[in-house]
Protein backbone atom coordinates (compact mmCIF):
# COMPACT_ATOMS: atom_id res chain seq x y z
CA UNK A 1 -5.44 2.72 1.50
CA UNK A 2 -8.39 5.00 2.07
CA UNK A 3 -7.33 8.04 0.08
CA UNK A 4 -10.03 8.41 -2.70
CA UNK A 5 -12.79 10.80 -4.49
CA UNK A 6 -15.92 12.52 -6.34
CA UNK A 7 -19.39 11.07 -7.19
CA UNK A 8 -20.10 8.83 -10.15
CA UNK A 9 -22.33 11.53 -11.62
CA UNK A 10 -19.22 13.62 -12.22
CA UNK A 11 -17.58 10.84 -14.18
CA UNK A 12 -18.12 9.88 -17.77
CA UNK A 13 -20.23 6.75 -17.39
CA UNK A 14 -18.89 3.92 -19.49
CA UNK A 15 -19.99 0.35 -20.04
CA UNK A 16 -16.89 -0.63 -18.09
CA UNK A 17 -18.01 1.27 -15.01
CA UNK A 18 -21.59 0.03 -15.19
CA UNK A 19 -20.58 -3.58 -15.63
CA UNK A 20 -17.76 -3.53 -13.07
CA UNK A 21 -16.25 -6.21 -15.28
CA UNK A 22 -12.80 -6.73 -13.81
CA UNK A 23 -11.20 -9.18 -11.44
CA UNK A 24 -10.86 -8.21 -7.79
CA UNK A 25 -8.16 -9.27 -5.35
CA UNK A 26 -7.76 -9.10 -1.60
CA UNK A 27 -5.43 -10.58 0.98
CA UNK A 28 -5.47 -12.50 4.24
CA UNK A 29 -2.65 -11.97 6.72
CA UNK A 30 -2.08 -14.04 9.86
CA UNK A 31 0.82 -14.00 12.28
CA UNK A 32 1.85 -15.54 15.59
CA UNK A 33 4.72 -14.60 17.90
CA UNK A 34 6.57 -12.64 15.20
CA UNK A 35 6.90 -9.07 14.03
CA UNK A 36 5.79 -9.35 10.40
CA UNK A 37 5.40 -6.80 7.61
CA UNK A 38 3.53 -7.61 4.40
CA UNK A 39 3.93 -5.90 1.04
CA UNK A 40 2.43 -6.24 -2.43
CA UNK A 41 4.39 -4.63 -5.27
CA UNK A 42 6.52 -2.98 -2.59
CA UNK A 43 3.53 -1.24 -1.01
CA UNK A 44 3.12 -1.85 2.73
CA UNK A 45 -0.31 -3.39 3.26
CA UNK A 46 -0.28 -4.51 6.91
CA UNK A 47 1.90 -5.64 9.81
CA UNK A 48 1.91 -7.32 13.20
CA UNK A 49 4.10 -4.77 14.95
CA UNK A 50 2.11 -5.10 18.18
CA UNK A 51 2.60 -6.57 21.63
CA UNK A 52 2.72 -10.36 21.23
CA UNK A 53 3.21 -10.19 17.46
CA UNK A 54 -0.05 -12.08 16.85
CA UNK A 55 -2.53 -10.54 14.41
CA UNK A 56 -4.91 -11.16 11.52
CA UNK A 57 -6.16 -8.74 8.88
CA UNK A 58 -7.30 -8.41 5.29
CA UNK A 59 -8.99 -6.10 2.81
CA UNK A 60 -9.35 -5.46 -0.91
CA UNK A 61 -6.06 -4.53 -2.60
CA UNK A 62 -7.19 -4.54 -6.23
CA UNK A 63 -5.91 -0.99 -6.76
CA UNK A 64 -2.26 -2.05 -6.39
CA UNK A 65 -2.55 -5.23 -8.47
CA UNK A 66 -1.60 -4.99 -12.15
CA UNK A 67 -1.98 -7.33 -15.09
CA UNK A 68 1.10 -9.50 -15.48
CA UNK A 69 3.64 -10.13 -12.73
CA UNK A 70 3.16 -8.82 -9.22
CA UNK A 71 5.27 -9.35 -6.12
CA UNK A 72 4.21 -10.44 -2.63
CA UNK A 73 6.61 -10.07 0.29
CA UNK A 74 6.88 -10.92 3.98
CA UNK A 75 9.61 -9.32 6.10
CA UNK A 76 9.79 -10.53 9.70
CA UNK A 77 11.77 -11.09 12.89
CA UNK A 78 11.46 -12.98 16.14
CA UNK A 79 10.43 -11.23 19.35
CA UNK A 80 13.54 -11.79 21.47
CA UNK A 81 15.08 -8.32 21.88
CA UNK A 82 18.48 -9.90 22.52
CA UNK A 83 18.39 -12.00 19.33
CA UNK A 84 15.85 -10.98 16.68
CA UNK A 85 17.03 -13.77 14.36
CA UNK A 86 15.77 -16.36 16.84
CA UNK A 87 12.17 -17.53 16.39
CA UNK A 88 9.99 -19.68 18.60
CA UNK A 89 9.02 -23.03 17.15
CA UNK A 90 5.37 -22.03 16.60
CA UNK A 91 6.05 -18.53 15.27
CA UNK A 92 4.85 -17.74 11.74
CA UNK A 93 3.64 -15.16 9.22
CA UNK A 94 1.31 -16.10 6.36
CA UNK A 95 0.18 -13.95 3.44
CA UNK A 96 -2.55 -15.14 1.08
CA UNK A 97 -3.58 -13.34 -2.09
CA UNK A 98 -7.25 -14.06 -2.75
CA UNK A 99 -9.28 -13.66 -5.94
CA UNK A 100 -13.01 -12.97 -5.99
CA UNK A 101 -14.81 -15.67 -7.96
CA UNK A 102 -18.59 -16.05 -8.12
CA UNK A 103 -18.97 -13.80 -5.11
CA UNK A 104 -16.44 -15.68 -2.96
CA UNK A 105 -12.80 -15.02 -2.15
CA UNK A 106 -10.61 -18.02 -3.04
CA UNK A 107 -6.89 -18.56 -2.48
CA UNK A 108 -4.75 -17.50 -5.44
CA UNK A 109 -1.15 -17.28 -4.21
CA UNK A 110 0.44 -17.78 -0.80
CA UNK A 111 3.62 -17.16 1.13
CA UNK A 112 4.76 -18.44 4.53
CA UNK A 113 7.55 -17.28 6.79
CA UNK A 114 8.07 -19.37 9.92
CA UNK A 115 10.67 -21.13 12.04
CA UNK A 116 13.05 -23.89 10.94
CA UNK A 117 15.47 -25.08 13.64
CA UNK A 118 14.91 -21.82 15.50
CA UNK A 119 15.70 -19.56 12.53
CA UNK A 120 13.55 -17.85 9.88
CA UNK A 121 12.64 -19.79 6.75
CA UNK A 122 10.25 -19.64 3.81
CA UNK A 123 10.48 -23.37 3.07
CA UNK A 124 6.89 -24.03 4.15
CA UNK A 125 5.44 -21.79 1.44
CA UNK A 126 3.14 -23.89 -0.78
CA UNK A 127 4.71 -24.83 -4.13
CA UNK A 128 8.06 -23.43 -3.01
CA UNK A 129 9.66 -23.91 -6.44
CA UNK A 130 6.74 -22.24 -8.22
CA UNK A 131 3.64 -23.61 -9.90
CA UNK A 132 1.14 -22.11 -12.33
CA UNK A 133 0.60 -18.45 -11.53
CA UNK A 134 3.13 -18.38 -8.66
CA UNK A 135 6.88 -18.01 -9.03
CA UNK A 136 9.67 -19.59 -7.02
CA UNK A 137 10.16 -18.35 -3.46
CA UNK A 138 13.23 -16.18 -2.87
CA UNK A 139 14.42 -15.78 0.70
CA UNK A 140 17.24 -14.46 2.85
CA UNK A 141 18.08 -11.81 5.41
CA UNK A 142 16.86 -8.40 4.28
CA UNK A 143 19.48 -6.24 2.60
CA UNK A 144 18.27 -3.13 4.43
CA UNK A 145 18.17 -4.55 7.97
CA UNK A 146 20.13 -7.78 8.41
CA UNK A 147 18.18 -8.82 11.52
CA UNK A 148 14.99 -9.12 9.44
CA UNK A 149 14.21 -12.02 7.13
CA UNK A 150 12.60 -11.53 3.72
CA UNK A 151 10.47 -14.09 1.90
CA UNK A 152 9.20 -13.10 -1.55
CA UNK A 153 7.67 -14.47 -4.74
CA UNK A 154 5.90 -13.27 -7.86
CA UNK A 155 2.34 -14.07 -8.88
CA UNK A 156 0.79 -13.42 -12.27
CA UNK A 157 -2.76 -12.19 -12.82
CA UNK A 158 -4.96 -11.14 -15.73
CA UNK A 159 -8.32 -9.45 -16.09
CA UNK A 160 -7.50 -6.62 -13.66
CA UNK A 161 -8.70 -3.13 -14.55
CA UNK A 162 -5.95 -1.01 -16.10
CA UNK A 163 -5.58 1.44 -13.25
CA UNK A 164 -4.39 4.92 -14.14
CA UNK A 165 -1.06 4.46 -12.33
CA UNK A 166 -0.15 1.46 -14.52
CA UNK A 167 0.01 3.84 -17.50
CA UNK A 168 2.42 6.18 -15.74
CA UNK A 169 6.09 6.99 -16.21
CA UNK A 170 8.76 5.28 -14.11
CA UNK A 171 10.20 7.73 -11.56
CA UNK A 172 13.54 7.73 -9.75
CA UNK A 173 14.78 9.72 -6.76
CA UNK A 174 16.57 12.83 -7.99
CA UNK A 175 16.48 16.54 -7.24
CA UNK A 176 14.08 17.44 -10.04
CA UNK A 177 11.54 14.76 -9.18
CA UNK A 178 11.86 15.55 -5.47
CA UNK A 179 11.05 19.21 -6.12
CA UNK A 180 8.13 18.40 -8.41
CA UNK A 181 6.68 15.99 -5.89
CA UNK A 182 7.17 18.38 -2.98
CA UNK A 183 5.04 20.91 -4.84
CA UNK A 184 2.17 18.40 -4.65
CA UNK A 185 2.51 18.26 -0.87
CA UNK A 186 2.63 22.07 -0.77
CA UNK A 187 -0.60 22.20 -2.77
CA UNK A 188 -2.26 19.71 -0.43
CA UNK A 189 -1.06 21.66 2.61
CA UNK A 190 -2.42 24.94 1.24
CA UNK A 191 -5.79 23.46 0.26
CA UNK A 192 -6.26 21.90 3.68
CA UNK A 193 -5.11 25.03 5.50
CA UNK A 194 -7.57 27.16 3.52
CA UNK A 195 -10.30 24.49 3.83
CA UNK A 196 -10.83 24.30 0.07
CA UNK A 197 -12.97 21.18 -0.04
CA UNK A 198 -13.66 21.11 -3.78
CA UNK A 199 -10.01 21.69 -4.61
CA UNK A 200 -9.09 18.74 -2.35
CA UNK A 201 -11.68 16.60 -4.08
CA UNK A 202 -10.14 17.45 -7.43
CA UNK A 203 -6.66 16.76 -6.05
CA UNK A 204 -7.72 13.22 -5.09
CA UNK A 205 -10.09 12.71 -8.04
CA UNK A 206 -8.39 9.77 -9.81
CA UNK A 207 -7.65 7.79 -6.66
CA UNK A 208 -11.11 8.23 -5.16
CA UNK A 209 -13.00 7.43 -8.34
CA UNK A 210 -11.08 4.18 -8.84
CA UNK A 211 -11.45 3.21 -5.19
CA UNK A 212 -15.20 3.86 -5.42
CA UNK A 213 -15.32 1.59 -8.46
CA UNK A 214 -13.60 -1.21 -6.55
CA UNK A 215 -15.84 -0.84 -3.51
CA UNK A 216 -19.02 -0.36 -5.57
CA UNK A 217 -19.59 2.76 -3.50
CA UNK A 218 -19.88 6.51 -4.05
CA UNK A 219 -16.90 8.78 -4.30
CA UNK A 220 -18.37 10.97 -1.56
CA UNK A 221 -18.24 8.04 0.87
CA UNK A 222 -14.62 7.36 -0.11
CA UNK A 223 -13.87 11.05 0.40
CA UNK A 224 -15.42 11.07 3.87
CA UNK A 225 -13.28 8.08 4.84
CA UNK A 226 -10.19 10.20 4.17
CA UNK A 227 -11.10 12.40 7.13
CA UNK A 228 -9.12 15.55 6.28
CA UNK A 229 -12.00 18.02 6.48
CA UNK A 230 -13.39 16.40 9.63
CA UNK A 231 -9.98 16.69 11.29
CA UNK A 232 -9.84 20.39 10.47
CA UNK A 233 -13.25 20.84 12.03
CA UNK A 234 -11.96 18.94 15.07
CA UNK A 235 -9.15 21.38 15.68
CA UNK A 236 -6.26 19.67 13.85
CA UNK A 237 -3.81 21.90 12.00
CA UNK A 238 -1.92 20.96 8.81
CA UNK A 239 1.86 20.77 9.03
CA UNK A 240 4.44 20.49 6.23
CA UNK A 241 8.03 19.49 6.98
CA UNK A 242 11.13 20.67 5.10
CA UNK A 243 11.88 18.80 1.87
CA UNK A 244 15.54 18.32 2.83
CA UNK A 245 14.57 15.54 5.22
CA UNK A 246 12.79 13.49 2.55
CA UNK A 247 13.51 11.33 -0.49
CA UNK A 248 11.38 10.02 -3.34
CA UNK A 249 10.57 6.40 -2.45
CA UNK A 250 9.25 4.30 -5.33
CA UNK A 251 6.93 1.30 -5.50
CA UNK A 252 5.56 -0.99 -8.20
CA UNK A 253 8.77 -0.80 -10.26
CA UNK A 254 8.87 2.99 -10.03
CA UNK A 255 5.34 3.77 -11.19
CA UNK A 256 4.08 4.64 -7.72
CA UNK A 257 6.02 6.98 -5.46
CA UNK A 258 5.86 9.40 -2.53
CA UNK A 259 8.14 11.36 -0.20
CA UNK A 260 9.39 9.64 2.96
CA UNK A 261 12.00 10.34 5.60
CA UNK A 262 14.33 7.69 7.02
CA UNK A 263 11.51 6.44 9.26
CA UNK A 264 8.98 6.19 6.42
CA UNK A 265 7.06 9.27 7.59
CA UNK A 266 5.25 11.74 5.33
CA UNK A 267 6.18 15.43 5.12
CA UNK A 268 2.46 16.28 5.51
CA UNK A 269 0.58 15.68 8.72
CA UNK A 270 -2.44 16.83 10.72
CA UNK A 271 -1.41 17.86 14.24
CA UNK A 272 -3.33 18.50 17.44
CA UNK A 273 -1.63 18.92 20.80
CA UNK A 274 0.86 16.02 20.94
CA UNK A 275 -0.92 13.94 18.27
CA UNK A 276 0.37 13.87 14.70
CA UNK A 277 -1.35 11.89 11.93
CA UNK A 278 0.51 11.59 8.64
CA UNK A 279 -1.15 11.62 5.22
CA UNK A 280 0.94 10.19 2.42
CA UNK A 281 -0.93 9.11 -0.72
CA UNK A 282 0.84 7.29 -3.54
CA UNK A 283 1.47 9.44 -6.61
CA UNK A 284 1.95 8.55 -10.29
CA UNK A 285 3.27 10.54 -13.25
CA UNK A 286 0.67 10.21 -16.02
CA UNK A 287 0.30 12.27 -19.20
CA UNK A 288 2.87 14.81 -18.08
CA UNK A 289 1.56 15.50 -14.58
CA UNK A 290 1.66 14.03 -11.10
CA UNK A 291 -1.61 12.67 -9.74
CA UNK A 292 -2.74 11.02 -6.52
CA UNK A 293 -3.09 7.44 -7.68
CA UNK A 294 -3.84 5.46 -4.49
């Protein structure tokens, strides 16, 4: 989530920017004895794919929240390699969406995946049948991998900034879109290879400026957190894989998208010796062109 750019002095300063008058949202994720994956609007935000399956995390996710209906999802399994559908009695995954009010983060919507009679269940999610801003919980074994269980619900928000990506065109996976998107990766690869710092800043301009607005920080700090230039200086080399191994994967009802292979990997990476670090920002198609949106 740290792919963002350029100082406020390069932006047109508006009352909106000065006032920072929009609602902010974050999340809290806690797991125990389960491999859990959390998503908001289809975007992977965190997981507990570690030894022991016990983890906690959270950060601001305002940039992927839109006005109206959003979706929160937990996908999880037990830890028994011989039977992933089996869960220990005290295993669980919890995902809380939190809203910032008067300087404090308060619970807004929640989702729970845990164990019921040794099998996965979402029945312990608060207000299971829906209440207020939260919709009814939908659950069942995941259509993509039957050994994993999926618990999902919608939540409705208002007062969020209209991020640039929300104004974009819905994209599907087809040859034309795949080629157009691959050209963006080719541009990124070339700019990194030739160490064109300003061109990279411009490439990430929209995403970095909006992230800086969320964090109340400078775009230069957001840019430094990306780490591309520093990796070049540290001896990493850019690598771009063949497009034939990748598809356009969409998020947020098709308004966010990127290229991924069957393992979810990016075609663009920074490599050094045996280490390979992928960079895969989310793109949007706005006003007739593809931009880095998140």
